[in-house]
Protein backbone atom coordinates (compact mmCIF):
# COMPACT_ATOMS: atom_id res chain seq x y z
CA MET A 1 20.12 39.20 122.35
CA LYS A 2 23.68 39.94 121.35
CA THR A 3 25.55 43.17 122.62
CA ALA A 4 27.66 45.55 120.15
CA LEU A 5 29.82 48.44 121.25
CA ILE A 6 30.35 51.04 118.71
CA THR A 7 33.23 54.00 118.77
CA GLY A 8 32.17 56.90 116.50
CA ALA A 9 28.61 56.21 116.71
CA SER A 10 27.52 59.62 117.38
CA ARG A 11 27.36 60.32 113.37
CA GLY A 12 28.79 58.95 110.18
CA VAL A 13 29.25 54.78 109.53
CA GLY A 14 29.08 54.48 113.28
CA ALA A 15 25.80 55.69 113.63
CA ALA A 16 24.79 54.22 110.69
CA LEU A 17 25.92 50.93 111.93
CA ALA A 18 24.34 51.44 115.11
CA ARG A 19 20.80 52.06 113.12
CA ALA A 20 21.42 48.90 111.23
CA LEU A 21 22.26 46.23 114.42
CA ALA A 22 19.30 47.90 116.49
CA PRO A 23 17.02 45.24 115.78
CA THR A 24 19.21 42.40 117.01
CA HIS A 25 21.46 43.79 119.23
CA ARG A 26 22.00 45.65 122.74
CA LEU A 27 23.85 48.78 121.66
CA VAL A 28 26.94 50.46 123.47
CA LEU A 29 27.31 54.15 121.77
CA GLY A 30 30.87 55.38 122.19
CA GLY A 31 32.28 58.85 121.01
CA ARG A 32 32.71 62.22 122.63
CA ASP A 33 29.62 63.97 121.70
CA ARG A 34 27.06 63.29 124.41
CA ALA A 35 24.20 65.46 123.09
CA ALA A 36 24.54 63.54 119.70
CA LEU A 37 24.95 59.80 121.39
CA ASP A 38 22.09 60.77 123.87
CA ALA A 39 19.80 61.24 120.79
CA LEU A 40 20.70 58.37 118.83
CA ALA A 41 20.11 56.08 121.80
CA GLY A 42 16.88 57.44 122.36
CA GLN A 43 15.62 56.31 118.85
CA LEU A 44 16.89 53.02 119.29
CA PRO A 45 15.14 50.09 121.38
CA ALA A 46 17.84 48.82 123.14
CA ALA A 47 20.96 51.36 123.36
CA VAL A 48 23.00 53.82 125.57
CA ALA A 49 25.38 56.17 125.58
CA TRP A 50 28.94 55.85 126.31
CA PRO A 51 30.56 59.27 126.36
CA VAL A 52 34.10 58.65 126.27
CA GLU A 53 37.58 60.02 125.66
CA LEU A 54 38.81 57.02 124.04
CA THR A 55 42.37 58.15 123.92
CA SER A 56 42.31 58.23 128.00
CA VAL A 57 40.23 54.95 128.62
CA THR A 58 40.91 53.01 131.73
CA GLU A 59 39.08 49.82 133.21
CA ALA A 60 37.19 52.15 135.19
CA ASP A 61 35.71 53.82 132.34
CA LEU A 62 34.46 51.00 130.60
CA PRO A 63 30.78 50.15 130.62
CA GLU A 64 29.14 46.87 132.84
CA LEU A 65 29.66 43.89 130.43
CA ASP A 66 30.30 40.42 131.34
CA ARG A 67 29.84 39.35 127.72
CA LEU A 68 30.40 41.51 124.45
CA ASP A 69 29.35 40.05 120.89
CA VAL A 70 30.51 43.05 119.01
CA LEU A 71 33.42 45.41 119.24
CA VAL A 72 33.17 47.86 116.17
CA HIS A 73 36.24 50.74 115.98
CA SER A 74 34.68 53.36 113.82
CA ALA A 75 36.47 56.32 115.42
CA GLY A 76 39.14 58.00 113.67
CA VAL A 77 40.60 61.22 112.78
CA VAL A 78 42.64 62.34 109.49
CA ARG A 79 44.51 65.48 109.09
CA LEU A 80 46.28 65.42 105.59
CA GLY A 81 50.12 67.11 104.87
CA SER A 82 53.13 66.44 103.19
CA VAL A 83 56.11 64.84 104.99
CA ALA A 84 57.88 68.21 105.45
CA ASP A 85 54.95 69.88 106.60
CA THR A 86 53.23 67.63 109.15
CA PRO A 87 54.95 67.72 112.93
CA ALA A 88 55.72 65.21 115.20
CA GLN A 89 52.45 66.19 116.93
CA VAL A 90 50.17 65.34 114.28
CA TRP A 91 51.55 62.16 113.73
CA ARG A 92 51.26 61.29 117.46
CA ASP A 93 47.78 62.26 117.88
CA THR A 94 46.48 60.77 114.65
CA TYR A 95 48.45 57.41 116.39
CA GLU A 96 46.83 57.95 119.74
CA VAL A 97 43.02 58.00 118.28
CA ASN A 98 43.71 55.42 115.33
CA VAL A 99 45.80 52.96 116.41
CA VAL A 100 46.46 53.20 120.36
CA ALA A 101 43.31 53.93 121.34
CA VAL A 102 42.01 51.09 119.30
CA ALA A 103 44.76 48.52 120.71
CA GLU A 104 43.89 49.81 124.50
CA LEU A 105 40.37 49.22 124.19
CA THR A 106 40.22 45.59 122.63
CA ARG A 107 42.71 44.75 125.42
CA LEU A 108 40.56 46.04 127.97
CA LEU A 109 37.50 44.44 126.71
CA LEU A 110 38.92 40.94 126.02
CA PRO A 111 37.80 38.92 128.59
CA ALA A 112 34.38 39.99 127.54
CA LEU A 113 34.62 39.04 124.03
CA ARG A 114 36.54 35.87 124.89
CA ALA A 115 33.21 35.08 126.96
CA ALA A 116 30.67 35.64 124.04
CA SER A 117 33.38 34.22 120.82
CA GLY A 118 32.79 37.77 119.67
CA HIS A 119 33.37 39.50 117.01
CA VAL A 120 36.14 42.65 116.18
CA VAL A 121 35.59 45.07 113.17
CA CYS A 122 38.05 47.63 112.69
CA VAL A 123 36.90 50.15 109.88
CA ASN A 124 40.12 50.78 108.17
CA SER A 125 40.46 52.78 104.89
CA GLY A 126 41.75 52.40 101.45
CA ALA A 127 44.64 54.05 102.74
CA GLY A 128 45.75 51.13 104.71
CA LEU A 129 46.18 49.52 101.66
CA ASN A 130 47.95 52.17 99.46
CA ALA A 131 50.01 55.48 100.79
CA ASN A 132 49.44 58.35 98.45
CA PRO A 133 51.15 61.75 98.89
CA GLY A 134 49.96 64.22 101.70
CA TRP A 135 48.31 61.07 103.42
CA GLY A 136 51.50 60.27 105.55
CA SER A 137 50.31 60.09 108.92
CA TYR A 138 46.77 59.20 108.14
CA ALA A 139 47.88 56.11 106.34
CA ALA A 140 50.78 55.12 108.27
CA SER A 141 48.32 54.79 111.35
CA LYS A 142 46.08 52.80 108.70
CA PHE A 143 48.60 50.21 107.79
CA ALA A 144 49.38 50.06 111.83
CA LEU A 145 45.54 49.31 112.20
CA ARG A 146 45.63 47.00 109.55
CA ALA A 147 48.52 45.12 111.16
CA PHE A 148 47.06 45.41 115.00
CA ALA A 149 43.68 43.24 113.59
CA ASP A 150 46.40 40.66 111.79
CA VAL A 151 47.95 40.01 115.09
CA LEU A 152 44.79 40.05 117.05
CA ARG A 153 43.64 37.49 114.82
CA HIS A 154 46.61 34.95 114.93
CA GLU A 155 46.53 35.71 118.48
CA GLU A 156 43.05 35.28 119.59
CA PRO A 157 41.72 32.31 117.74
CA GLY A 158 38.44 32.13 119.81
CA LEU A 159 37.51 35.48 118.07
CA ARG A 160 36.38 36.81 114.68
CA VAL A 161 38.48 39.70 113.06
CA THR A 162 37.46 41.62 110.12
CA THR A 163 39.19 44.88 108.71
CA VAL A 164 36.78 47.23 106.48
CA TYR A 165 38.81 49.53 103.77
CA PRO A 166 36.04 51.77 102.02
CA GLY A 167 36.40 54.26 100.07
CA ARG A 168 35.50 57.50 100.40
CA ILE A 169 32.44 57.90 102.23
CA ALA A 170 30.18 60.97 102.42
CA THR A 171 30.62 61.93 106.12
CA ASP A 172 31.46 65.06 107.79
CA MET A 173 35.14 63.66 108.03
CA GLN A 174 35.10 63.54 104.06
CA ARG A 175 33.68 66.89 103.59
CA SER A 176 36.74 68.19 106.02
CA VAL A 177 39.12 65.88 103.52
CA ARG A 178 38.01 68.01 100.90
CA GLU A 179 38.38 71.34 102.13
CA GLN A 180 41.79 69.95 102.94
CA GLU A 181 42.71 69.19 99.61
CA GLY A 182 40.96 72.36 98.26
CA GLU A 183 38.25 70.15 96.27
CA ALA A 184 34.45 70.41 96.28
CA PHE A 185 32.31 67.76 98.44
CA GLU A 186 30.57 65.42 95.97
CA PRO A 187 28.65 63.30 97.88
CA SER A 188 27.73 61.30 95.29
CA ASN A 189 30.43 60.33 94.11
CA TYR A 190 31.32 58.84 97.63
CA LEU A 191 29.91 55.49 99.11
CA GLU A 192 26.74 56.18 101.21
CA VAL A 193 27.31 55.44 105.17
CA GLU A 194 24.49 53.17 104.95
CA SER A 195 26.19 50.66 101.95
CA VAL A 196 29.16 50.71 104.52
CA ALA A 197 27.01 49.63 107.43
CA ARG A 198 25.38 46.68 105.20
CA ALA A 199 28.54 45.74 104.64
CA ILE A 200 29.83 45.36 107.88
CA VAL A 201 26.76 43.55 108.86
CA ALA A 202 27.05 41.02 106.44
CA ALA A 203 30.82 40.23 108.02
CA LEU A 204 29.04 40.07 111.20
CA GLU A 205 26.42 37.40 110.07
CA ALA A 206 28.49 34.99 108.32
CA GLY A 207 27.88 31.39 109.46
CA PRO A 208 29.98 30.02 112.12
CA ASP A 209 31.81 28.07 109.65
CA ALA A 210 33.44 31.47 107.77
CA HIS A 211 35.54 33.89 108.99
CA LEU A 212 35.44 37.16 106.89
CA THR A 213 38.98 38.78 107.55
CA ASP A 214 39.02 41.86 105.28
CA LEU A 215 36.40 43.40 103.10
CA THR A 216 37.30 46.31 100.39
CA LEU A 217 34.42 48.76 99.30
CA ARG A 218 34.61 51.25 96.79
CA PRO A 219 32.17 53.58 95.24
CA ARG A 220 30.83 52.78 92.48
CA PRO A 221 29.84 55.40 89.47
CA ARG A 222 26.40 56.65 89.36
CA SER A 223 24.83 57.98 86.51
């Protein structure tokens, strides 16, 4: 059975992906919320919780993995604000979670990924393709995440690297975003987490001759 490590696994896309991969993978569920991770791991046949602060992870914090088939970076943070209203610390905090933590965890896990000819998935955002007013620090971090994935793909030809660019998703994070925008949270207008998870699984299950490098999803209007 293959092994997958998913960050941001306590909720949202990470949790949905864990459920989707549970029949075929041993799972390492990474995130901050120990109780939520334990609860999810208890529902799945071969899963363990990995409570971790991703911005300070070291080699000593890693689970014991000789081989890692799948690494999914689903954790992320967002705080909206104009350039004029966004202090340096917000930029630093956003980059630490959305870029630096991703790069460092990938670096630490490269030996296990190489051993399995593994697959790295970066859950990006539509903001990683188009930057809009008020989204400066978040969009910049997602553009940087896109660059990281592109560079990793070239530097590690033995791995597959996929970037997923979903539109708005019906998650707690989206609820917070809508509050910051001063707008109503309307889940029926957004992607479901299960839809994003299925798209990621499709990328993972592409044949050995196929490398799905970039995948864009947008909500489909529902009547």
